[in-house]
Amino acid sequence: MSEHDTLGTVRSLVDQEHQLRQKRLAGEIDSQEERAQLQSLEEALDQCWDLLRQRRAKSEFGGNPEDAAARPVKTVEGYLQ
């Protein structure tokens, strides 16, 4: 996935997050469903940001950014902040 494609995915996920919050405010979904869906969206966003960081690091240090690959959610979510 190119950097452009990854950024497009980020935009789409952020839009989905906003739609989800609107549904909650409108009473279309309950807070438990909102939390579950938000967790999934946040995990996907974390994977995208990780992929972008990998691509940029590879470019900066002479590697091929196309060699970057999305890592599993468990890996990305396990990073220390």
N, C-alpha and C. Protein backbone atom coordinates (compact mmCIF):
# COMPACT_ATOMS: atom_id res chain seq x y z
N MET A 1 0.85 -1.17 0.00
CA MET A 1 0.00 0.00 0.00
C MET A 1 0.90 1.24 0.00
N SER A 2 0.66 2.16 -0.92
CA SER A 2 1.46 3.36 -1.01
C SER A 2 1.14 4.31 0.15
N GLU A 3 2.01 5.31 0.33
CA GLU A 3 1.76 6.30 1.38
C GLU A 3 0.44 7.03 1.11
N HIS A 4 0.21 7.34 -0.14
CA HIS A 4 -1.02 8.03 -0.52
C HIS A 4 -2.24 7.17 -0.17
N ASP A 5 -2.18 5.89 -0.48
CA ASP A 5 -3.28 4.97 -0.16
C ASP A 5 -3.48 4.86 1.35
N THR A 6 -2.39 4.79 2.08
CA THR A 6 -2.47 4.66 3.53
C THR A 6 -3.11 5.91 4.13
N LEU A 7 -2.71 7.09 3.64
CA LEU A 7 -3.32 8.32 4.15
C LEU A 7 -4.81 8.38 3.80
N GLY A 8 -5.18 7.86 2.65
CA GLY A 8 -6.60 7.78 2.29
C GLY A 8 -7.35 6.88 3.24
N THR A 9 -6.74 5.78 3.62
CA THR A 9 -7.36 4.87 4.58
C THR A 9 -7.52 5.56 5.93
N VAL A 10 -6.50 6.32 6.34
CA VAL A 10 -6.59 7.06 7.61
C VAL A 10 -7.78 8.01 7.56
N ARG A 11 -7.91 8.76 6.47
CA ARG A 11 -9.03 9.70 6.34
C ARG A 11 -10.37 8.97 6.43
N SER A 12 -10.46 7.83 5.77
CA SER A 12 -11.70 7.05 5.79
C SER A 12 -12.02 6.56 7.20
N LEU A 13 -11.01 6.08 7.91
CA LEU A 13 -11.22 5.59 9.27
C LEU A 13 -11.64 6.73 10.21
N VAL A 14 -11.04 7.90 10.04
CA VAL A 14 -11.42 9.05 10.87
C VAL A 14 -12.87 9.45 10.56
N ASP A 15 -13.24 9.43 9.29
CA ASP A 15 -14.63 9.72 8.92
C ASP A 15 -15.58 8.71 9.56
N GLN A 16 -15.20 7.44 9.55
CA GLN A 16 -16.03 6.40 10.17
C GLN A 16 -16.17 6.64 11.67
N GLU A 17 -15.08 7.09 12.29
CA GLU A 17 -15.12 7.38 13.72
C GLU A 17 -16.11 8.51 14.01
N HIS A 18 -16.07 9.55 13.19
CA HIS A 18 -17.00 10.67 13.37
C HIS A 18 -18.45 10.23 13.17
N GLN A 19 -18.69 9.40 12.16
CA GLN A 19 -20.04 8.89 11.90
C GLN A 19 -20.53 8.04 13.07
N LEU A 20 -19.63 7.25 13.62
CA LEU A 20 -19.98 6.40 14.75
C LEU A 20 -20.38 7.26 15.96
N ARG A 21 -19.62 8.30 16.21
CA ARG A 21 -19.95 9.18 17.34
C ARG A 21 -21.29 9.89 17.11
N GLN A 22 -21.57 10.25 15.88
CA GLN A 22 -22.86 10.88 15.56
C GLN A 22 -24.01 9.89 15.79
N LYS A 23 -23.80 8.64 15.41
CA LYS A 23 -24.84 7.62 15.64
C LYS A 23 -25.12 7.47 17.12
N ARG A 24 -24.06 7.50 17.92
CA ARG A 24 -24.23 7.38 19.37
C ARG A 24 -25.02 8.57 19.90
N LEU A 25 -24.68 9.77 19.46
CA LEU A 25 -25.39 10.97 19.92
C LEU A 25 -26.85 10.96 19.48
N ALA A 26 -27.12 10.37 18.32
CA ALA A 26 -28.49 10.30 17.80
C ALA A 26 -29.27 9.14 18.42
N GLY A 27 -28.62 8.33 19.24
CA GLY A 27 -29.29 7.21 19.88
C GLY A 27 -29.48 6.00 18.97
N GLU A 28 -28.76 5.97 17.85
CA GLU A 28 -28.89 4.86 16.92
C GLU A 28 -28.13 3.61 17.37
N ILE A 29 -27.12 3.82 18.22
CA ILE A 29 -26.37 2.69 18.79
C ILE A 29 -26.14 2.98 20.27
N ASP A 30 -25.90 1.93 21.05
CA ASP A 30 -25.64 2.13 22.47
C ASP A 30 -24.15 2.31 22.72
N SER A 31 -23.80 2.69 23.93
CA SER A 31 -22.40 2.98 24.24
C SER A 31 -21.51 1.75 24.14
N GLN A 32 -22.05 0.58 24.44
CA GLN A 32 -21.25 -0.65 24.35
C GLN A 32 -20.88 -0.93 22.89
N GLU A 33 -21.83 -0.78 21.99
CA GLU A 33 -21.54 -0.99 20.57
C GLU A 33 -20.56 0.06 20.06
N GLU A 34 -20.75 1.30 20.52
CA GLU A 34 -19.83 2.37 20.12
C GLU A 34 -18.41 2.03 20.56
N ARG A 35 -18.24 1.61 21.81
CA ARG A 35 -16.90 1.28 22.32
C ARG A 35 -16.25 0.17 21.51
N ALA A 36 -17.01 -0.87 21.20
CA ALA A 36 -16.47 -2.00 20.44
C ALA A 36 -16.01 -1.56 19.05
N GLN A 37 -16.85 -0.77 18.40
CA GLN A 37 -16.49 -0.31 17.06
C GLN A 37 -15.34 0.69 17.10
N LEU A 38 -15.32 1.56 18.12
CA LEU A 38 -14.22 2.51 18.26
C LEU A 38 -12.90 1.78 18.47
N GLN A 39 -12.91 0.73 19.26
CA GLN A 39 -11.68 -0.02 19.48
C GLN A 39 -11.14 -0.57 18.17
N SER A 40 -12.02 -1.12 17.37
CA SER A 40 -11.62 -1.66 16.07
C SER A 40 -11.05 -0.57 15.17
N LEU A 41 -11.71 0.59 15.13
CA LEU A 41 -11.22 1.70 14.32
C LEU A 41 -9.86 2.20 14.81
N GLU A 42 -9.72 2.32 16.12
CA GLU A 42 -8.45 2.79 16.69
C GLU A 42 -7.31 1.83 16.39
N GLU A 43 -7.58 0.55 16.44
CA GLU A 43 -6.55 -0.44 16.12
C GLU A 43 -6.14 -0.33 14.65
N ALA A 44 -7.11 -0.15 13.77
CA ALA A 44 -6.80 0.00 12.35
C ALA A 44 -6.01 1.29 12.10
N LEU A 45 -6.37 2.36 12.79
CA LEU A 45 -5.62 3.62 12.66
C LEU A 45 -4.19 3.45 13.14
N ASP A 46 -4.01 2.77 14.27
CA ASP A 46 -2.66 2.54 14.79
C ASP A 46 -1.82 1.75 13.78
N GLN A 47 -2.44 0.77 13.14
CA GLN A 47 -1.72 0.00 12.11
C GLN A 47 -1.31 0.90 10.94
N CYS A 48 -2.21 1.78 10.54
CA CYS A 48 -1.89 2.69 9.42
C CYS A 48 -0.74 3.63 9.78
N TRP A 49 -0.81 4.22 10.97
CA TRP A 49 0.26 5.14 11.38
C TRP A 49 1.59 4.40 11.48
N ASP A 50 1.56 3.18 11.99
CA ASP A 50 2.78 2.37 12.07
C ASP A 50 3.34 2.11 10.67
N LEU A 51 2.48 1.78 9.74
CA LEU A 51 2.91 1.54 8.37
C LEU A 51 3.53 2.80 7.76
N LEU A 52 2.91 3.95 8.00
CA LEU A 52 3.48 5.20 7.49
C LEU A 52 4.86 5.47 8.08
N ARG A 53 5.00 5.23 9.39
CA ARG A 53 6.32 5.43 10.03
C ARG A 53 7.36 4.49 9.43
N GLN A 54 6.97 3.24 9.18
CA GLN A 54 7.90 2.28 8.56
C GLN A 54 8.34 2.77 7.18
N ARG A 55 7.36 3.18 6.37
CA ARG A 55 7.65 3.63 5.00
C ARG A 55 8.61 4.82 5.03
N ARG A 56 8.33 5.77 5.91
CA ARG A 56 9.16 6.98 5.97
C ARG A 56 10.56 6.66 6.48
N ALA A 57 10.68 5.76 7.43
CA ALA A 57 11.99 5.36 7.94
C ALA A 57 12.79 4.66 6.85
N LYS A 58 12.14 3.78 6.12
CA LYS A 58 12.85 3.08 5.04
C LYS A 58 13.34 4.08 3.99
N SER A 59 12.52 5.04 3.63
CA SER A 59 12.92 6.06 2.65
C SER A 59 14.09 6.88 3.18
N GLU A 60 14.00 7.30 4.43
CA GLU A 60 15.03 8.15 5.02
C GLU A 60 16.38 7.46 5.08
N PHE A 61 16.37 6.15 5.30
CA PHE A 61 17.63 5.44 5.47
C PHE A 61 18.01 4.58 4.27
N GLY A 62 17.48 4.95 3.09
CA GLY A 62 17.90 4.33 1.85
C GLY A 62 17.22 3.03 1.49
N GLY A 63 16.21 2.65 2.23
CA GLY A 63 15.47 1.42 1.92
C GLY A 63 14.33 1.68 0.96
N ASN A 64 13.67 0.62 0.60
CA ASN A 64 12.53 0.72 -0.30
C ASN A 64 11.25 0.80 0.54
N PRO A 65 10.51 1.90 0.47
CA PRO A 65 9.29 2.02 1.28
C PRO A 65 8.25 0.97 0.92
N GLU A 66 8.34 0.41 -0.28
CA GLU A 66 7.38 -0.62 -0.68
C GLU A 66 7.60 -1.93 0.08
N ASP A 67 8.74 -2.05 0.76
CA ASP A 67 9.02 -3.23 1.57
C ASP A 67 8.32 -3.18 2.93
N ALA A 68 7.76 -2.03 3.28
CA ALA A 68 7.05 -1.91 4.56
C ALA A 68 5.75 -2.70 4.48
N ALA A 69 5.38 -3.28 5.61
CA ALA A 69 4.14 -4.07 5.65
C ALA A 69 3.41 -3.79 6.96
N ALA A 70 2.09 -3.85 6.89
CA ALA A 70 1.29 -3.66 8.09
C ALA A 70 1.60 -4.78 9.08
N ARG A 71 1.79 -4.39 10.31
CA ARG A 71 2.07 -5.37 11.36
C ARG A 71 0.76 -5.76 12.04
N PRO A 72 0.74 -6.94 12.68
CA PRO A 72 -0.48 -7.38 13.37
C PRO A 72 -0.88 -6.41 14.48
N VAL A 73 -2.17 -6.37 14.76
CA VAL A 73 -2.70 -5.48 15.79
C VAL A 73 -2.00 -5.73 17.12
N LYS A 74 -1.79 -6.99 17.49
CA LYS A 74 -1.13 -7.30 18.77
C LYS A 74 0.25 -6.65 18.86
N THR A 75 0.97 -6.64 17.76
CA THR A 75 2.30 -6.04 17.74
C THR A 75 2.21 -4.53 17.91
N VAL A 76 1.37 -3.90 17.11
CA VAL A 76 1.25 -2.45 17.13
C VAL A 76 0.71 -1.96 18.47
N GLU A 77 -0.28 -2.65 18.99
CA GLU A 77 -0.89 -2.23 20.26
C GLU A 77 0.04 -2.52 21.44
N GLY A 78 1.04 -3.34 21.24
CA GLY A 78 1.96 -3.70 22.33
C GLY A 78 3.14 -2.75 22.47
N TYR A 79 3.26 -1.78 21.57
CA TYR A 79 4.37 -0.83 21.67
C TYR A 79 4.24 0.02 22.93
N LEU A 80 5.37 0.30 23.54
CA LEU A 80 5.38 1.19 24.70
C LEU A 80 5.36 2.63 24.20
N GLN A 81 4.58 3.45 24.84
CA GLN A 81 4.47 4.87 24.43
C GLN A 81 5.56 5.69 25.05
